[in-house]
């Protein structure tokens, strides 16, 4: 799942699997219902503690489910996780693959053989989703073969995905995202067209790692307040 969002870099896209978005909105509905019930029952110590528990869980959901994402633009890939963000320029990114989470492989220094890996919280693939994707692909292949003309073979194009869109539907959301990221990486690594001789290339940008302070605060601040109030 990807969305276009405005930003300073052109071609900015945001990627994350739908599960985290659905979970975040579902919890928001539950949180509003609980806080409304607490407000109707009146203000007491138990109600305050309950409200703080809800806010603490909401902060964790914001940091661990809503905010994590993979953002791409013309400059590279940004992997936003609950505690840290990794800003990786395209020239340093080597591969993007999927194990249980999306993994972005990169080299800290151009040309260095030693690779590092960033795991994305936002793009995950469970064993159940992979099994469903495989079953869906087999079912689609059987359906296509059933309606294929007699004597036609798979090598002629039958029992195969008709186009990339069909292939995308047969995979999981995480697999589709990783394919898109791999295509963007391949395009970014293509040799640029001939440039003007006097044009100076932009300076190479290195890997940047930032602490996600707003997300950390969303977890820590309500938790500290909850501990302080519960101890009264």
C-alpha atoms as a PDB file:
ATOM      1  CA  UNK A   1       0.000   0.000   0.000  1.00  0.00           C
ATOM      2  CA  UNK A   2       1.423   3.357  -0.988  1.00  0.00           C
ATOM      3  CA  UNK A   3       0.230   6.926  -0.985  1.00  0.00           C
ATOM      4  CA  UNK A   4       1.530  10.114  -2.490  1.00  0.00           C
ATOM      5  CA  UNK A   5       2.116  12.914  -0.011  1.00  0.00           C
ATOM      6  CA  UNK A   6       3.320  16.442  -0.649  1.00  0.00           C
ATOM      7  CA  UNK A   7       6.831  17.139   0.500  1.00  0.00           C
ATOM      8  CA  UNK A   8       9.993  19.001  -0.314  1.00  0.00           C
ATOM      9  CA  UNK A   9      11.190  16.285  -2.677  1.00  0.00           C
ATOM     10  CA  UNK A  10       9.340  15.528  -5.890  1.00  0.00           C
ATOM     11  CA  UNK A  11       8.006  12.031  -6.417  1.00  0.00           C
ATOM     12  CA  UNK A  12       7.471  11.470  -2.704  1.00  0.00           C
ATOM     13  CA  UNK A  13       5.656   8.214  -1.874  1.00  0.00           C
ATOM     14  CA  UNK A  14       4.725   6.597   1.417  1.00  0.00           C
ATOM     15  CA  UNK A  15       4.611   2.817   1.840  1.00  0.00           C
ATOM     16  CA  UNK A  16       3.151   0.723   4.664  1.00  0.00           C
ATOM     17  CA  UNK A  17       0.988  -2.360   4.887  1.00  0.00           C
ATOM     18  CA  UNK A  18      -2.736  -1.773   5.532  1.00  0.00           C
ATOM     19  CA  UNK A  19      -2.809  -3.738   8.792  1.00  0.00           C
ATOM     20  CA  UNK A  20      -1.099  -1.039  10.856  1.00  0.00           C
ATOM     21  CA  UNK A  21      -3.441   1.638   9.506  1.00  0.00           C
ATOM     22  CA  UNK A  22      -6.556  -0.444  10.228  1.00  0.00           C
ATOM     23  CA  UNK A  23      -5.269  -1.269  13.718  1.00  0.00           C
ATOM     24  CA  UNK A  24      -4.589   2.406  14.458  1.00  0.00           C
ATOM     25  CA  UNK A  25      -8.063   3.554  13.410  1.00  0.00           C
ATOM     26  CA  UNK A  26      -9.717   0.657  15.251  1.00  0.00           C
ATOM     27  CA  UNK A  27      -7.925   1.563  18.470  1.00  0.00           C
ATOM     28  CA  UNK A  28      -8.818   5.249  18.003  1.00  0.00           C
ATOM     29  CA  UNK A  29     -12.509   4.327  17.914  1.00  0.00           C
ATOM     30  CA  UNK A  30     -12.109   2.168  21.044  1.00  0.00           C
ATOM     31  CA  UNK A  31     -10.149   4.915  22.829  1.00  0.00           C
ATOM     32  CA  UNK A  32     -12.794   7.559  22.099  1.00  0.00           C
ATOM     33  CA  UNK A  33     -15.512   5.225  23.375  1.00  0.00           C
ATOM     34  CA  UNK A  34     -13.633   4.462  26.611  1.00  0.00           C
ATOM     35  CA  UNK A  35     -12.731   8.091  27.273  1.00  0.00           C
ATOM     36  CA  UNK A  36     -16.343   9.107  26.646  1.00  0.00           C
ATOM     37  CA  UNK A  37     -17.560   6.501  29.138  1.00  0.00           C
ATOM     38  CA  UNK A  38     -15.048   7.697  31.730  1.00  0.00           C
ATOM     39  CA  UNK A  39     -16.140  11.315  31.258  1.00  0.00           C
ATOM     40  CA  UNK A  40     -19.823  10.406  31.700  1.00  0.00           C
ATOM     41  CA  UNK A  41     -19.160   8.502  34.939  1.00  0.00           C
ATOM     42  CA  UNK A  42     -17.547  11.517  36.578  1.00  0.00           C
ATOM     43  CA  UNK A  43     -14.061  12.386  37.758  1.00  0.00           C
ATOM     44  CA  UNK A  44     -12.375  10.150  40.337  1.00  0.00           C
ATOM     45  CA  UNK A  45      -8.998   8.522  40.826  1.00  0.00           C
ATOM     46  CA  UNK A  46      -9.972   5.312  39.042  1.00  0.00           C
ATOM     47  CA  UNK A  47     -11.341   7.284  36.084  1.00  0.00           C
ATOM     48  CA  UNK A  48      -8.150   9.330  35.795  1.00  0.00           C
ATOM     49  CA  UNK A  49      -6.028   6.169  35.880  1.00  0.00           C
ATOM     50  CA  UNK A  50      -8.234   4.563  33.221  1.00  0.00           C
ATOM     51  CA  UNK A  51      -7.958   7.628  30.998  1.00  0.00           C
ATOM     52  CA  UNK A  52      -4.166   7.658  31.397  1.00  0.00           C
ATOM     53  CA  UNK A  53      -3.965   3.961  30.516  1.00  0.00           C
ATOM     54  CA  UNK A  54      -5.924   4.679  27.330  1.00  0.00           C
ATOM     55  CA  UNK A  55      -3.659   7.629  26.489  1.00  0.00           C
ATOM     56  CA  UNK A  56      -0.562   5.503  27.124  1.00  0.00           C
ATOM     57  CA  UNK A  57      -1.797   2.794  24.776  1.00  0.00           C
ATOM     58  CA  UNK A  58      -2.752   5.469  22.234  1.00  0.00           C
ATOM     59  CA  UNK A  59       0.773   6.877  22.382  1.00  0.00           C
ATOM     60  CA  UNK A  60       2.209   3.413  21.791  1.00  0.00           C
ATOM     61  CA  UNK A  61      -0.150   2.877  18.863  1.00  0.00           C
ATOM     62  CA  UNK A  62       0.852   6.235  17.380  1.00  0.00           C
ATOM     63  CA  UNK A  63       4.573   5.459  17.686  1.00  0.00           C
ATOM     64  CA  UNK A  64       4.512   1.774  16.764  1.00  0.00           C
ATOM     65  CA  UNK A  65       1.610   1.446  14.303  1.00  0.00           C
ATOM     66  CA  UNK A  66       0.645   4.813  12.796  1.00  0.00           C
ATOM     67  CA  UNK A  67       3.979   6.593  12.329  1.00  0.00           C
ATOM     68  CA  UNK A  68       6.215   3.748  10.998  1.00  0.00           C
ATOM     69  CA  UNK A  69       6.440   3.872   7.211  1.00  0.00           C
ATOM     70  CA  UNK A  70       8.862   3.840   4.307  1.00  0.00           C
ATOM     71  CA  UNK A  71       9.121   7.119   2.410  1.00  0.00           C
ATOM     72  CA  UNK A  72      10.817   7.452  -0.966  1.00  0.00           C
ATOM     73  CA  UNK A  73      11.673  10.539  -2.981  1.00  0.00           C
ATOM     74  CA  UNK A  74      14.232  11.558  -5.557  1.00  0.00           C
ATOM     75  CA  UNK A  75      16.968  11.524  -2.916  1.00  0.00           C
ATOM     76  CA  UNK A  76      16.524   8.074  -1.418  1.00  0.00           C
ATOM     77  CA  UNK A  77      14.615   5.948   1.096  1.00  0.00           C
ATOM     78  CA  UNK A  78      13.631   6.963   4.612  1.00  0.00           C
ATOM     79  CA  UNK A  79      12.758   4.063   6.929  1.00  0.00           C
ATOM     80  CA  UNK A  80      10.687   5.427   9.820  1.00  0.00           C
ATOM     81  CA  UNK A  81      10.566   3.041  12.787  1.00  0.00           C
ATOM     82  CA  UNK A  82       9.155   3.674  16.283  1.00  0.00           C
ATOM     83  CA  UNK A  83      12.418   4.884  17.826  1.00  0.00           C
ATOM     84  CA  UNK A  84      14.689   5.883  14.927  1.00  0.00           C
ATOM     85  CA  UNK A  85      14.573   7.057  11.336  1.00  0.00           C
ATOM     86  CA  UNK A  86      17.146   5.990   8.756  1.00  0.00           C
ATOM     87  CA  UNK A  87      17.636   8.335   5.773  1.00  0.00           C
ATOM     88  CA  UNK A  88      19.379   6.339   3.049  1.00  0.00           C
ATOM     89  CA  UNK A  89      20.466   7.971  -0.242  1.00  0.00           C
ATOM     90  CA  UNK A  90      19.779   5.888  -3.349  1.00  0.00           C
ATOM     91  CA  UNK A  91      23.496   5.460  -4.275  1.00  0.00           C
ATOM     92  CA  UNK A  92      24.139   3.721  -0.932  1.00  0.00           C
ATOM     93  CA  UNK A  93      21.123   1.380  -1.086  1.00  0.00           C
ATOM     94  CA  UNK A  94      22.018  -2.012  -2.576  1.00  0.00           C
ATOM     95  CA  UNK A  95      18.878  -4.177  -2.327  1.00  0.00           C
ATOM     96  CA  UNK A  96      15.391  -4.274  -0.840  1.00  0.00           C
ATOM     97  CA  UNK A  97      13.990  -7.679   0.086  1.00  0.00           C
ATOM     98  CA  UNK A  98      11.326  -9.271   2.264  1.00  0.00           C
ATOM     99  CA  UNK A  99      11.814 -11.923   4.933  1.00  0.00           C
ATOM    100  CA  UNK A 100       9.262 -11.285   7.674  1.00  0.00           C
ATOM    101  CA  UNK A 101       9.756  -7.534   7.391  1.00  0.00           C
ATOM    102  CA  UNK A 102      10.996  -5.370   4.547  1.00  0.00           C
ATOM    103  CA  UNK A 103      14.782  -5.150   4.735  1.00  0.00           C
ATOM    104  CA  UNK A 104      16.724  -2.295   3.150  1.00  0.00           C
ATOM    105  CA  UNK A 105      20.388  -3.181   2.583  1.00  0.00           C
ATOM    106  CA  UNK A 106      22.886  -0.347   2.280  1.00  0.00           C
ATOM    107  CA  UNK A 107      26.577   0.445   2.486  1.00  0.00           C
ATOM    108  CA  UNK A 108      27.590   3.251   4.895  1.00  0.00           C
ATOM    109  CA  UNK A 109      30.315   4.346   2.451  1.00  0.00           C
ATOM    110  CA  UNK A 110      30.073   4.129  -1.365  1.00  0.00           C
ATOM    111  CA  UNK A 111      31.956   1.124  -2.681  1.00  0.00           C
ATOM    112  CA  UNK A 112      32.420  -0.452   0.749  1.00  0.00           C
ATOM    113  CA  UNK A 113      31.722  -4.216   0.627  1.00  0.00           C
ATOM    114  CA  UNK A 114      30.327  -4.414   4.171  1.00  0.00           C
ATOM    115  CA  UNK A 115      26.544  -3.999   4.163  1.00  0.00           C
ATOM    116  CA  UNK A 116      24.129  -2.988   6.878  1.00  0.00           C
ATOM    117  CA  UNK A 117      20.418  -3.772   7.055  1.00  0.00           C
ATOM    118  CA  UNK A 118      17.466  -1.694   8.263  1.00  0.00           C
ATOM    119  CA  UNK A 119      14.300  -3.611   9.138  1.00  0.00           C
ATOM    120  CA  UNK A 120      11.028  -1.771   8.588  1.00  0.00           C
ATOM    121  CA  UNK A 121       8.235  -2.024  11.147  1.00  0.00           C
ATOM    122  CA  UNK A 122       5.803  -0.628   8.597  1.00  0.00           C
ATOM    123  CA  UNK A 123       6.044  -3.396   5.994  1.00  0.00           C
ATOM    124  CA  UNK A 124       5.603  -6.861   7.469  1.00  0.00           C
ATOM    125  CA  UNK A 125       4.580 -10.201   6.017  1.00  0.00           C
ATOM    126  CA  UNK A 126       3.243 -12.914   8.315  1.00  0.00           C
ATOM    127  CA  UNK A 127       3.361 -16.604   7.490  1.00  0.00           C
ATOM    128  CA  UNK A 128      -0.442 -16.582   7.179  1.00  0.00           C
ATOM    129  CA  UNK A 129      -0.423 -13.765   4.603  1.00  0.00           C
ATOM    130  CA  UNK A 130       2.286 -15.496   2.577  1.00  0.00           C
ATOM    131  CA  UNK A 131       0.262 -18.732   2.610  1.00  0.00           C
ATOM    132  CA  UNK A 132      -2.885 -16.887   1.495  1.00  0.00           C
ATOM    133  CA  UNK A 133      -0.956 -15.223  -1.326  1.00  0.00           C
ATOM    134  CA  UNK A 134       0.385 -18.584  -2.528  1.00  0.00           C
ATOM    135  CA  UNK A 135      -3.087 -20.169  -2.423  1.00  0.00           C
ATOM    136  CA  UNK A 136      -4.559 -17.195  -4.292  1.00  0.00           C
ATOM    137  CA  UNK A 137      -1.871 -17.460  -6.980  1.00  0.00           C
ATOM    138  CA  UNK A 138      -2.519 -21.195  -7.439  1.00  0.00           C
ATOM    139  CA  UNK A 139      -6.291 -20.648  -7.597  1.00  0.00           C
ATOM    140  CA  UNK A 140      -5.882 -17.918 -10.214  1.00  0.00           C
ATOM    141  CA  UNK A 141      -3.555 -20.140 -12.241  1.00  0.00           C
ATOM    142  CA  UNK A 142      -6.075 -23.010 -12.183  1.00  0.00           C
ATOM    143  CA  UNK A 143      -8.903 -20.677 -13.190  1.00  0.00           C
ATOM    144  CA  UNK A 144      -6.881 -19.254 -16.083  1.00  0.00           C
ATOM    145  CA  UNK A 145      -5.900 -22.739 -17.253  1.00  0.00           C
ATOM    146  CA  UNK A 146      -9.527 -23.945 -17.113  1.00  0.00           C
ATOM    147  CA  UNK A 147     -10.695 -21.250 -19.514  1.00  0.00           C
ATOM    148  CA  UNK A 148      -7.674 -21.420 -21.809  1.00  0.00           C
ATOM    149  CA  UNK A 149      -8.236 -22.778 -25.345  1.00  0.00           C
ATOM    150  CA  UNK A 150      -7.592 -26.476 -25.767  1.00  0.00           C
ATOM    151  CA  UNK A 151      -4.040 -27.317 -26.650  1.00  0.00           C
ATOM    152  CA  UNK A 152      -2.696 -24.052 -25.304  1.00  0.00           C
ATOM    153  CA  UNK A 153       0.288 -24.425 -22.998  1.00  0.00           C
ATOM    154  CA  UNK A 154       1.601 -22.298 -20.155  1.00  0.00           C
ATOM    155  CA  UNK A 155       4.507 -21.302 -22.348  1.00  0.00           C
ATOM    156  CA  UNK A 156       2.070 -19.606 -24.700  1.00  0.00           C
ATOM    157  CA  UNK A 157       0.989 -17.302 -21.906  1.00  0.00           C
ATOM    158  CA  UNK A 158      -1.818 -19.298 -20.291  1.00  0.00           C
ATOM    159  CA  UNK A 159      -1.778 -20.147 -16.588  1.00  0.00           C
ATOM    160  CA  UNK A 160       0.529 -17.146 -16.173  1.00  0.00           C
ATOM    161  CA  UNK A 161      -0.278 -13.685 -14.822  1.00  0.00           C
ATOM    162  CA  UNK A 162      -1.591 -11.621 -17.715  1.00  0.00           C
ATOM    163  CA  UNK A 163       0.116  -8.414 -16.635  1.00  0.00           C
ATOM    164  CA  UNK A 164       1.979  -6.850 -13.699  1.00  0.00           C
ATOM    165  CA  UNK A 165      -1.290  -5.754 -12.090  1.00  0.00           C
ATOM    166  CA  UNK A 166      -2.505  -9.354 -11.992  1.00  0.00           C
ATOM    167  CA  UNK A 167       0.808 -10.480 -10.536  1.00  0.00           C
ATOM    168  CA  UNK A 168       0.555  -7.804  -7.856  1.00  0.00           C
ATOM    169  CA  UNK A 169      -2.911  -8.989  -6.814  1.00  0.00           C
ATOM    170  CA  UNK A 170      -1.609 -12.537  -6.427  1.00  0.00           C
ATOM    171  CA  UNK A 171       1.019 -11.494  -3.877  1.00  0.00           C
ATOM    172  CA  UNK A 172       0.678 -10.045  -0.420  1.00  0.00           C
ATOM    173  CA  UNK A 173       0.657  -6.305   0.229  1.00  0.00           C
ATOM    174  CA  UNK A 174       4.195  -6.493   1.620  1.00  0.00           C
ATOM    175  CA  UNK A 175       5.450  -8.304  -1.503  1.00  0.00           C
ATOM    176  CA  UNK A 176       3.825  -5.691  -3.712  1.00  0.00           C
ATOM    177  CA  UNK A 177       5.495  -2.868  -1.759  1.00  0.00           C
ATOM    178  CA  UNK A 178       8.916  -4.535  -1.917  1.00  0.00           C
ATOM    179  CA  UNK A 179       8.531  -4.967  -5.678  1.00  0.00           C
ATOM    180  CA  UNK A 180       7.744  -1.266  -6.028  1.00  0.00           C
ATOM    181  CA  UNK A 181      10.739  -0.309  -3.881  1.00  0.00           C
ATOM    182  CA  UNK A 182      13.011  -2.597  -5.906  1.00  0.00           C
ATOM    183  CA  UNK A 183      11.797  -0.972  -9.127  1.00  0.00           C
ATOM    184  CA  UNK A 184      12.498   2.486  -7.698  1.00  0.00           C
ATOM    185  CA  UNK A 185      15.960   1.357  -6.613  1.00  0.00           C
ATOM    186  CA  UNK A 186      16.702  -0.053 -10.066  1.00  0.00           C
ATOM    187  CA  UNK A 187      15.565   3.188 -11.702  1.00  0.00           C
ATOM    188  CA  UNK A 188      17.684   5.261  -9.311  1.00  0.00           C
ATOM    189  CA  UNK A 189      20.783   3.190 -10.112  1.00  0.00           C
ATOM    190  CA  UNK A 190      20.439   3.554 -13.881  1.00  0.00           C
ATOM    191  CA  UNK A 191      23.194   5.695 -15.423  1.00  0.00           C
ATOM    192  CA  UNK A 192      21.986   9.299 -15.808  1.00  0.00           C
ATOM    193  CA  UNK A 193      21.661  10.827 -19.257  1.00  0.00           C
ATOM    194  CA  UNK A 194      24.482  12.897 -20.668  1.00  0.00           C
ATOM    195  CA  UNK A 195      24.866  16.105 -18.704  1.00  0.00           C
ATOM    196  CA  UNK A 196      26.107  19.526 -19.650  1.00  0.00           C
ATOM    197  CA  UNK A 197      29.948  19.578 -19.367  1.00  0.00           C
ATOM    198  CA  UNK A 198      29.966  22.635 -17.085  1.00  0.00           C
ATOM    199  CA  UNK A 199      27.298  21.226 -14.770  1.00  0.00           C
ATOM    200  CA  UNK A 200      28.635  20.351 -11.313  1.00  0.00           C
ATOM    201  CA  UNK A 201      27.124  17.167  -9.832  1.00  0.00           C
ATOM    202  CA  UNK A 202      25.459  17.550  -6.439  1.00  0.00           C
ATOM    203  CA  UNK A 203      27.574  16.535  -3.432  1.00  0.00           C
ATOM    204  CA  UNK A 204      27.152  12.953  -2.238  1.00  0.00           C
ATOM    205  CA  UNK A 205      24.929  12.619   0.820  1.00  0.00           C
ATOM    206  CA  UNK A 206      25.695  10.110   3.544  1.00  0.00           C
ATOM    207  CA  UNK A 207      23.450   7.934   5.693  1.00  0.00           C
ATOM    208  CA  UNK A 208      21.621   9.857   8.401  1.00  0.00           C
ATOM    209  CA  UNK A 209      20.099   8.308  11.533  1.00  0.00           C
ATOM    210  CA  UNK A 210      17.713  10.348  13.673  1.00  0.00           C
ATOM    211  CA  UNK A 211      15.975   9.596  16.928  1.00  0.00           C
ATOM    212  CA  UNK A 212      12.188   9.826  16.562  1.00  0.00           C
ATOM    213  CA  UNK A 213      11.747  12.162  19.509  1.00  0.00           C
ATOM    214  CA  UNK A 214       8.031  12.845  18.978  1.00  0.00           C
ATOM    215  CA  UNK A 215       7.292   9.133  18.862  1.00  0.00           C
ATOM    216  CA  UNK A 216       9.456   8.449  21.923  1.00  0.00           C
ATOM    217  CA  UNK A 217       7.668  11.249  23.780  1.00  0.00           C
ATOM    218  CA  UNK A 218       4.283   9.796  22.797  1.00  0.00           C
ATOM    219  CA  UNK A 219       5.271   6.585  24.591  1.00  0.00           C
ATOM    220  CA  UNK A 220       7.238   7.907  27.561  1.00  0.00           C
ATOM    221  CA  UNK A 221       5.283  10.992  28.676  1.00  0.00           C
ATOM    222  CA  UNK A 222       1.852   9.329  29.195  1.00  0.00           C
ATOM    223  CA  UNK A 223       3.566   6.352  30.829  1.00  0.00           C
ATOM    224  CA  UNK A 224       5.407   8.545  33.358  1.00  0.00           C
ATOM    225  CA  UNK A 225       2.223  10.476  34.167  1.00  0.00           C
ATOM    226  CA  UNK A 226       0.340   7.176  34.590  1.00  0.00           C
ATOM    227  CA  UNK A 227       2.953   5.829  37.004  1.00  0.00           C
ATOM    228  CA  UNK A 228       2.916   9.058  39.019  1.00  0.00           C
ATOM    229  CA  UNK A 229      -0.892   9.205  39.278  1.00  0.00           C
ATOM    230  CA  UNK A 230      -1.276   5.488  40.006  1.00  0.00           C
ATOM    231  CA  UNK A 231       1.180   5.815  42.890  1.00  0.00           C
ATOM    232  CA  UNK A 232      -0.968   8.464  44.640  1.00  0.00           C
END
